[in-house]
Amino acid sequence: MAHHAKNLTYEMFGRRIPVQFYCFVRNFSMAAIKPNISVEYAGNATIIGFTDEKILEEKDINALQKSIMSVIEQAERINLILDFGNVRFLSSAVLGLLIRISKRIYERNGQLKLCNINPKIYEIFKITRLTKTFDIYNDIETASEGLSQPN
């Protein structure tokens, strides 16, 4: 019997703790599903940090989509900040995922901000003109400041 952890937030002593998603098999065996993310709630923002340096494989991108969409679905209206601070390499499929995430957030009257994007990855955003689609900030603090206050 397999089930997935639903609690996505762990904060201890003011630090973000990476969330790993597990599949429980035959009571005590666990297999981690990659990639890993961390989830933190700060003020009116939900901050998802990518903990992997490389997001390249289709299976990882599919796992990311499930994880992030699960976080989005938990809130009626979400203000989401995606922190790319650890990411050095990503495939073009991640750009498609970001567009799907953006669409879902805006359908729910939420906001999406991206931050801490590596300069080489930022160039890809510029070339594909996604800098006009996404609000991109240097760090989490300025991304948080860019969020509208809840009504």
N, C-alpha and C. Protein backbone atom coordinates (compact mmCIF):
# COMPACT_ATOMS: atom_id res chain seq x y z
N MET A 1 0.84 -1.17 0.00
CA MET A 1 0.00 0.00 0.00
C MET A 1 0.89 1.24 0.00
N ALA A 2 0.76 2.11 -0.97
CA ALA A 2 1.60 3.29 -1.08
C ALA A 2 0.79 4.54 -0.79
N HIS A 3 1.37 5.49 -0.08
CA HIS A 3 0.76 6.80 0.06
C HIS A 3 1.85 7.86 0.10
N HIS A 4 1.45 9.08 -0.24
CA HIS A 4 2.40 10.19 -0.33
C HIS A 4 2.18 11.14 0.83
N ALA A 5 3.25 11.72 1.34
CA ALA A 5 3.15 12.70 2.41
C ALA A 5 2.47 13.96 1.90
N LYS A 6 1.51 14.49 2.66
CA LYS A 6 0.83 15.71 2.26
C LYS A 6 1.39 16.94 2.97
N ASN A 7 1.97 16.76 4.15
CA ASN A 7 2.51 17.89 4.86
C ASN A 7 3.80 18.33 4.18
N LEU A 8 3.80 19.54 3.60
CA LEU A 8 4.91 19.99 2.79
C LEU A 8 5.82 20.98 3.51
N THR A 9 5.46 21.39 4.73
CA THR A 9 6.20 22.45 5.40
C THR A 9 6.91 21.94 6.64
N TYR A 10 8.18 22.24 6.70
CA TYR A 10 8.96 21.97 7.89
C TYR A 10 9.85 23.17 8.13
N GLU A 11 9.68 23.81 9.27
CA GLU A 11 10.54 24.92 9.62
C GLU A 11 11.00 24.68 11.04
N MET A 12 12.30 24.65 11.24
CA MET A 12 12.86 24.44 12.57
C MET A 12 13.87 25.52 12.85
N PHE A 13 13.73 26.15 13.98
CA PHE A 13 14.69 27.14 14.42
C PHE A 13 14.92 28.21 13.35
N GLY A 14 13.85 28.59 12.65
CA GLY A 14 13.94 29.64 11.63
C GLY A 14 14.61 29.24 10.34
N ARG A 15 14.83 27.93 10.13
CA ARG A 15 15.49 27.46 8.91
C ARG A 15 14.52 26.63 8.11
N ARG A 16 14.64 26.72 6.77
CA ARG A 16 13.86 25.86 5.89
C ARG A 16 14.48 24.48 5.88
N ILE A 17 13.65 23.48 6.03
CA ILE A 17 14.11 22.10 5.97
C ILE A 17 13.57 21.51 4.67
N PRO A 18 14.44 20.94 3.80
CA PRO A 18 13.95 20.37 2.54
C PRO A 18 12.90 19.29 2.78
N VAL A 19 11.89 19.32 1.93
CA VAL A 19 10.82 18.33 2.01
C VAL A 19 11.13 17.24 1.01
N GLN A 20 11.13 16.00 1.44
CA GLN A 20 11.31 14.89 0.53
C GLN A 20 9.99 14.13 0.47
N PHE A 21 9.59 13.76 -0.72
CA PHE A 21 8.36 13.02 -0.90
C PHE A 21 8.70 11.54 -0.94
N TYR A 22 7.98 10.76 -0.16
CA TYR A 22 8.25 9.34 -0.05
C TYR A 22 7.05 8.52 -0.46
N CYS A 23 7.33 7.37 -0.96
CA CYS A 23 6.31 6.38 -1.26
C CYS A 23 6.53 5.24 -0.27
N PHE A 24 5.54 4.94 0.55
CA PHE A 24 5.68 3.88 1.55
C PHE A 24 5.26 2.55 0.93
N VAL A 25 6.16 1.58 0.99
CA VAL A 25 5.90 0.27 0.40
C VAL A 25 6.06 -0.79 1.49
N ARG A 26 5.04 -1.61 1.66
CA ARG A 26 5.06 -2.70 2.64
C ARG A 26 5.51 -2.23 4.02
N ASN A 27 4.80 -1.29 4.53
CA ASN A 27 4.94 -0.75 5.88
C ASN A 27 6.16 0.15 6.10
N PHE A 28 7.40 -0.34 5.96
CA PHE A 28 8.52 0.47 6.39
C PHE A 28 9.53 0.84 5.30
N SER A 29 9.47 0.29 4.13
CA SER A 29 10.41 0.65 3.07
C SER A 29 10.02 1.99 2.47
N MET A 30 11.01 2.84 2.20
CA MET A 30 10.74 4.13 1.61
C MET A 30 11.68 4.36 0.43
N ALA A 31 11.13 4.98 -0.62
CA ALA A 31 11.93 5.35 -1.78
C ALA A 31 11.69 6.83 -2.04
N ALA A 32 12.73 7.63 -2.05
CA ALA A 32 12.58 9.06 -2.26
C ALA A 32 12.29 9.34 -3.73
N ILE A 33 11.40 10.29 -3.96
CA ILE A 33 11.10 10.74 -5.31
C ILE A 33 11.83 12.06 -5.49
N LYS A 34 12.58 12.18 -6.53
CA LYS A 34 13.31 13.40 -6.81
C LYS A 34 12.52 14.24 -7.77
N PRO A 35 12.74 15.50 -7.91
CA PRO A 35 13.69 16.31 -7.18
C PRO A 35 13.11 16.78 -5.85
N ASN A 36 13.96 17.28 -5.01
CA ASN A 36 13.55 17.76 -3.70
C ASN A 36 13.23 19.24 -3.76
N ILE A 37 12.26 19.64 -2.95
CA ILE A 37 11.94 21.05 -2.80
C ILE A 37 11.84 21.35 -1.32
N SER A 38 11.96 22.61 -0.99
CA SER A 38 11.67 23.04 0.36
C SER A 38 10.49 24.00 0.27
N VAL A 39 9.66 24.01 1.28
CA VAL A 39 8.49 24.88 1.30
C VAL A 39 8.51 25.64 2.62
N GLU A 40 8.33 26.97 2.50
CA GLU A 40 8.33 27.83 3.68
C GLU A 40 7.19 28.83 3.53
N TYR A 41 6.56 29.16 4.64
CA TYR A 41 5.52 30.19 4.65
C TYR A 41 6.08 31.39 5.39
N ALA A 42 6.05 32.55 4.73
CA ALA A 42 6.57 33.78 5.32
C ALA A 42 5.61 34.91 5.00
N GLY A 43 4.94 35.44 6.00
CA GLY A 43 3.98 36.51 5.76
C GLY A 43 2.86 36.00 4.88
N ASN A 44 2.59 36.72 3.78
CA ASN A 44 1.53 36.29 2.86
C ASN A 44 2.09 35.49 1.68
N ALA A 45 3.32 34.99 1.82
CA ALA A 45 3.96 34.27 0.72
C ALA A 45 4.24 32.82 1.07
N THR A 46 4.14 31.98 0.05
CA THR A 46 4.61 30.60 0.12
C THR A 46 5.88 30.56 -0.73
N ILE A 47 6.97 30.11 -0.15
CA ILE A 47 8.25 30.09 -0.86
C ILE A 47 8.66 28.64 -1.10
N ILE A 48 8.80 28.30 -2.37
CA ILE A 48 9.28 26.97 -2.74
C ILE A 48 10.70 27.14 -3.25
N GLY A 49 11.61 26.44 -2.61
CA GLY A 49 13.00 26.45 -3.03
C GLY A 49 13.36 25.12 -3.69
N PHE A 50 14.02 25.22 -4.82
CA PHE A 50 14.51 24.01 -5.49
C PHE A 50 15.83 23.63 -4.84
N THR A 51 15.93 22.42 -4.34
CA THR A 51 17.15 22.02 -3.64
C THR A 51 18.14 21.30 -4.54
N ASP A 52 17.71 20.92 -5.74
CA ASP A 52 18.60 20.24 -6.68
C ASP A 52 19.31 21.26 -7.56
N GLU A 53 20.55 20.96 -7.90
CA GLU A 53 21.34 21.82 -8.77
C GLU A 53 20.94 21.67 -10.23
N LYS A 54 20.50 20.46 -10.60
CA LYS A 54 20.14 20.17 -11.98
C LYS A 54 18.69 19.70 -12.04
N ILE A 55 17.92 20.32 -12.94
CA ILE A 55 16.55 19.88 -13.19
C ILE A 55 16.48 19.61 -14.69
N LEU A 56 16.78 18.37 -15.05
CA LEU A 56 16.95 18.04 -16.46
C LEU A 56 16.05 16.89 -16.93
N GLU A 57 15.82 15.93 -16.08
CA GLU A 57 15.11 14.71 -16.47
C GLU A 57 13.60 14.89 -16.46
N GLU A 58 12.94 14.28 -17.42
CA GLU A 58 11.48 14.39 -17.52
C GLU A 58 10.79 13.89 -16.25
N LYS A 59 11.28 12.80 -15.69
CA LYS A 59 10.67 12.25 -14.47
C LYS A 59 10.80 13.24 -13.31
N ASP A 60 11.91 13.96 -13.24
CA ASP A 60 12.09 14.96 -12.20
C ASP A 60 11.14 16.14 -12.40
N ILE A 61 10.97 16.55 -13.64
CA ILE A 61 10.08 17.67 -13.94
C ILE A 61 8.63 17.28 -13.65
N ASN A 62 8.25 16.05 -13.97
CA ASN A 62 6.90 15.57 -13.64
C ASN A 62 6.69 15.53 -12.14
N ALA A 63 7.70 15.09 -11.39
CA ALA A 63 7.61 15.07 -9.93
C ALA A 63 7.50 16.48 -9.38
N LEU A 64 8.26 17.40 -9.96
CA LEU A 64 8.17 18.80 -9.55
C LEU A 64 6.77 19.35 -9.77
N GLN A 65 6.21 19.05 -10.94
CA GLN A 65 4.87 19.54 -11.25
C GLN A 65 3.87 19.04 -10.22
N LYS A 66 3.91 17.76 -9.91
CA LYS A 66 2.99 17.20 -8.92
C LYS A 66 3.17 17.87 -7.57
N SER A 67 4.41 18.05 -7.15
CA SER A 67 4.70 18.65 -5.85
C SER A 67 4.23 20.09 -5.78
N ILE A 68 4.57 20.88 -6.79
CA ILE A 68 4.22 22.30 -6.77
C ILE A 68 2.71 22.49 -6.93
N MET A 69 2.09 21.74 -7.82
CA MET A 69 0.64 21.86 -7.99
C MET A 69 -0.09 21.48 -6.70
N SER A 70 0.46 20.51 -5.97
CA SER A 70 -0.13 20.12 -4.69
C SER A 70 -0.09 21.29 -3.71
N VAL A 71 1.01 22.01 -3.67
CA VAL A 71 1.11 23.19 -2.80
C VAL A 71 0.10 24.25 -3.24
N ILE A 72 -0.01 24.48 -4.53
CA ILE A 72 -0.93 25.49 -5.06
C ILE A 72 -2.37 25.14 -4.70
N GLU A 73 -2.72 23.87 -4.83
CA GLU A 73 -4.09 23.44 -4.58
C GLU A 73 -4.48 23.53 -3.11
N GLN A 74 -3.50 23.56 -2.21
CA GLN A 74 -3.80 23.64 -0.78
C GLN A 74 -4.29 25.02 -0.35
N ALA A 75 -4.03 26.03 -1.16
CA ALA A 75 -4.41 27.40 -0.81
C ALA A 75 -5.51 27.88 -1.75
N GLU A 76 -6.44 28.64 -1.20
CA GLU A 76 -7.50 29.21 -2.03
C GLU A 76 -6.91 30.24 -2.99
N ARG A 77 -6.05 31.10 -2.47
CA ARG A 77 -5.36 32.12 -3.27
C ARG A 77 -3.91 32.13 -2.80
N ILE A 78 -2.99 31.79 -3.67
CA ILE A 78 -1.59 31.64 -3.26
C ILE A 78 -0.72 32.73 -3.84
N ASN A 79 0.19 33.22 -3.02
CA ASN A 79 1.26 34.11 -3.46
C ASN A 79 2.53 33.27 -3.39
N LEU A 80 2.98 32.81 -4.54
CA LEU A 80 4.07 31.85 -4.60
C LEU A 80 5.35 32.49 -5.10
N ILE A 81 6.43 32.23 -4.36
CA ILE A 81 7.77 32.64 -4.78
C ILE A 81 8.55 31.36 -5.05
N LEU A 82 9.09 31.25 -6.27
CA LEU A 82 9.94 30.11 -6.61
C LEU A 82 11.40 30.57 -6.52
N ASP A 83 12.15 29.93 -5.63
CA ASP A 83 13.55 30.29 -5.38
C ASP A 83 14.47 29.33 -6.13
N PHE A 84 15.17 29.87 -7.12
CA PHE A 84 16.08 29.08 -7.97
C PHE A 84 17.52 29.15 -7.47
N GLY A 85 17.73 29.55 -6.22
CA GLY A 85 19.08 29.77 -5.70
C GLY A 85 20.04 28.61 -5.87
N ASN A 86 19.57 27.38 -5.81
CA ASN A 86 20.45 26.21 -5.94
C ASN A 86 20.58 25.71 -7.37
N VAL A 87 19.73 26.17 -8.26
CA VAL A 87 19.65 25.61 -9.61
C VAL A 87 20.73 26.21 -10.52
N ARG A 88 21.52 25.33 -11.11
CA ARG A 88 22.57 25.76 -12.06
C ARG A 88 22.26 25.32 -13.49
N PHE A 89 21.47 24.25 -13.63
CA PHE A 89 21.13 23.72 -14.95
C PHE A 89 19.65 23.34 -14.96
N LEU A 90 18.97 23.69 -16.05
CA LEU A 90 17.60 23.22 -16.22
C LEU A 90 17.31 23.02 -17.69
N SER A 91 16.37 22.13 -17.96
CA SER A 91 16.00 21.86 -19.35
C SER A 91 14.90 22.82 -19.77
N SER A 92 14.70 22.92 -21.06
CA SER A 92 13.65 23.80 -21.58
C SER A 92 12.27 23.34 -21.13
N ALA A 93 12.12 22.07 -20.78
CA ALA A 93 10.83 21.58 -20.29
C ALA A 93 10.44 22.26 -18.98
N VAL A 94 11.41 22.73 -18.21
CA VAL A 94 11.11 23.44 -16.97
C VAL A 94 10.40 24.76 -17.30
N LEU A 95 10.78 25.39 -18.41
CA LEU A 95 10.11 26.64 -18.81
C LEU A 95 8.63 26.39 -19.07
N GLY A 96 8.32 25.28 -19.72
CA GLY A 96 6.93 24.90 -19.94
C GLY A 96 6.21 24.66 -18.63
N LEU A 97 6.88 24.02 -17.69
CA LEU A 97 6.30 23.79 -16.37
C LEU A 97 6.00 25.12 -15.69
N LEU A 98 6.91 26.08 -15.78
CA LEU A 98 6.69 27.38 -15.16
C LEU A 98 5.47 28.08 -15.74
N ILE A 99 5.26 27.94 -17.03
CA ILE A 99 4.09 28.54 -17.67
C ILE A 99 2.82 27.87 -17.16
N ARG A 100 2.82 26.54 -17.01
CA ARG A 100 1.65 25.83 -16.47
C ARG A 100 1.38 26.25 -15.02
N ILE A 101 2.44 26.39 -14.23
CA ILE A 101 2.29 26.82 -12.84
C ILE A 101 1.70 28.23 -12.81
N SER A 102 2.23 29.10 -13.63
CA SER A 102 1.76 30.48 -13.69
C SER A 102 0.27 30.53 -14.05
N LYS A 103 -0.11 29.77 -15.04
CA LYS A 103 -1.52 29.73 -15.48
C LYS A 103 -2.42 29.30 -14.33
N ARG A 104 -2.03 28.26 -13.63
CA ARG A 104 -2.85 27.74 -12.52
C ARG A 104 -2.96 28.75 -11.38
N ILE A 105 -1.87 29.43 -11.08
CA ILE A 105 -1.89 30.43 -10.01
C ILE A 105 -2.80 31.59 -10.38
N TYR A 106 -2.70 32.07 -11.60
CA TYR A 106 -3.52 33.20 -12.01
C TYR A 106 -5.00 32.82 -12.13
N GLU A 107 -5.30 31.56 -12.45
CA GLU A 107 -6.69 31.09 -12.44
C GLU A 107 -7.28 31.17 -11.04
N ARG A 108 -6.42 31.06 -10.04
CA ARG A 108 -6.87 31.11 -8.64
C ARG A 108 -6.64 32.49 -8.02
N ASN A 109 -6.43 33.51 -8.88
CA ASN A 109 -6.22 34.89 -8.45
C ASN A 109 -5.01 35.05 -7.53
N GLY A 110 -3.98 34.25 -7.76
CA GLY A 110 -2.77 34.35 -6.96
C GLY A 110 -1.69 35.12 -7.70
N GLN A 111 -0.51 35.11 -7.13
CA GLN A 111 0.63 35.79 -7.71
C GLN A 111 1.83 34.83 -7.73
N LEU A 112 2.67 35.00 -8.76
CA LEU A 112 3.88 34.19 -8.89
C LEU A 112 5.07 35.11 -9.09
N LYS A 113 6.11 34.87 -8.31
CA LYS A 113 7.37 35.60 -8.43
C LYS A 113 8.50 34.58 -8.49
N LEU A 114 9.52 34.86 -9.29
CA LEU A 114 10.71 34.02 -9.38
C LEU A 114 11.89 34.80 -8.83
N CYS A 115 12.85 34.09 -8.20
CA CYS A 115 14.01 34.81 -7.67
C CYS A 115 15.25 33.93 -7.66
N ASN A 116 16.38 34.60 -7.44
CA ASN A 116 17.69 33.94 -7.33
C ASN A 116 18.04 33.09 -8.55
N ILE A 117 17.74 33.62 -9.72
CA ILE A 117 18.01 32.87 -10.96
C ILE A 117 19.45 33.09 -11.39
N ASN A 118 20.15 32.00 -11.63
CA ASN A 118 21.53 32.02 -12.10
C ASN A 118 21.61 32.87 -13.37
N PRO A 119 22.66 33.70 -13.53
CA PRO A 119 22.78 34.58 -14.70
C PRO A 119 22.68 33.84 -16.05
N LYS A 120 23.25 32.64 -16.14
CA LYS A 120 23.16 31.90 -17.41
C LYS A 120 21.74 31.44 -17.68
N ILE A 121 21.03 31.05 -16.64
CA ILE A 121 19.62 30.66 -16.81
C ILE A 121 18.78 31.89 -17.11
N TYR A 122 19.10 33.02 -16.50
CA TYR A 122 18.38 34.26 -16.77
C TYR A 122 18.49 34.63 -18.25
N GLU A 123 19.63 34.37 -18.85
CA GLU A 123 19.81 34.65 -20.29
C GLU A 123 18.80 33.87 -21.12
N ILE A 124 18.51 32.64 -20.71
CA ILE A 124 17.51 31.83 -21.43
C ILE A 124 16.13 32.49 -21.29
N PHE A 125 15.83 33.00 -20.11
CA PHE A 125 14.56 33.71 -19.91
C PHE A 125 14.49 34.93 -20.82
N LYS A 126 15.62 35.65 -20.97
CA LYS A 126 15.63 36.83 -21.84
C LYS A 126 15.45 36.44 -23.31
N ILE A 127 16.18 35.42 -23.74
CA ILE A 127 16.12 35.00 -25.15
C ILE A 127 14.70 34.54 -25.52
N THR A 128 14.05 33.84 -24.60
CA THR A 128 12.70 33.34 -24.86
C THR A 128 11.62 34.37 -24.49
N ARG A 129 12.06 35.55 -24.08
CA ARG A 129 11.18 36.65 -23.69
C ARG A 129 10.28 36.33 -22.49
N LEU A 130 10.70 35.35 -21.71
CA LEU A 130 9.93 35.02 -20.51
C LEU A 130 10.15 36.05 -19.41
N THR A 131 11.12 36.96 -19.60
CA THR A 131 11.29 38.04 -18.63
C THR A 131 10.09 38.99 -18.69
N LYS A 132 9.36 38.97 -19.80
CA LYS A 132 8.14 39.78 -19.93
C LYS A 132 6.93 39.05 -19.34
N THR A 133 7.03 37.74 -19.20
CA THR A 133 5.93 36.93 -18.67
C THR A 133 6.01 36.80 -17.16
N PHE A 134 7.22 36.64 -16.63
CA PHE A 134 7.42 36.39 -15.21
C PHE A 134 8.01 37.61 -14.52
N ASP A 135 7.60 37.80 -13.26
CA ASP A 135 8.22 38.80 -12.41
C ASP A 135 9.43 38.13 -11.76
N ILE A 136 10.63 38.63 -12.10
CA ILE A 136 11.87 38.02 -11.63
C ILE A 136 12.61 39.00 -10.74
N TYR A 137 13.02 38.51 -9.58
CA TYR A 137 13.69 39.33 -8.57
C TYR A 137 15.05 38.73 -8.22
N ASN A 138 15.90 39.57 -7.64
CA ASN A 138 17.23 39.11 -7.26
C ASN A 138 17.23 38.16 -6.08
N ASP A 139 16.29 38.37 -5.14
CA ASP A 139 16.29 37.55 -3.92
C ASP A 139 14.87 37.42 -3.37
N ILE A 140 14.73 36.59 -2.35
CA ILE A 140 13.42 36.32 -1.76
C ILE A 140 12.83 37.59 -1.16
N GLU A 141 13.65 38.40 -0.51
CA GLU A 141 13.15 39.60 0.15
C GLU A 141 12.49 40.56 -0.83
N THR A 142 13.16 40.83 -1.96
CA THR A 142 12.57 41.76 -2.93
C THR A 142 11.37 41.13 -3.63
N ALA A 143 11.39 39.82 -3.81
CA ALA A 143 10.23 39.14 -4.39
C ALA A 143 9.04 39.26 -3.44
N SER A 144 9.28 39.12 -2.15
CA SER A 144 8.21 39.25 -1.15
C SER A 144 7.64 40.67 -1.16
N GLU A 145 8.52 41.64 -1.28
CA GLU A 145 8.08 43.04 -1.33
C GLU A 145 7.24 43.31 -2.58
N GLY A 146 7.48 42.55 -3.66
CA GLY A 146 6.74 42.70 -4.91
C GLY A 146 5.34 42.12 -4.89
N LEU A 147 5.01 41.39 -3.82
CA LEU A 147 3.67 40.82 -3.71
C LEU A 147 2.68 41.85 -3.24
N SER A 148 1.48 41.83 -3.84
CA SER A 148 0.40 42.69 -3.37
C SER A 148 -0.09 42.16 -2.05
N GLN A 149 -0.53 43.04 -1.21
CA GLN A 149 -1.10 42.62 0.07
C GLN A 149 -2.47 42.00 -0.18
N PRO A 150 -2.87 41.00 0.63
CA PRO A 150 -4.17 40.37 0.45
C PRO A 150 -5.30 41.36 0.69
N ASN A 151 -6.39 41.14 -0.03
CA ASN A 151 -7.56 42.03 0.12
C ASN A 151 -8.30 41.76 1.40
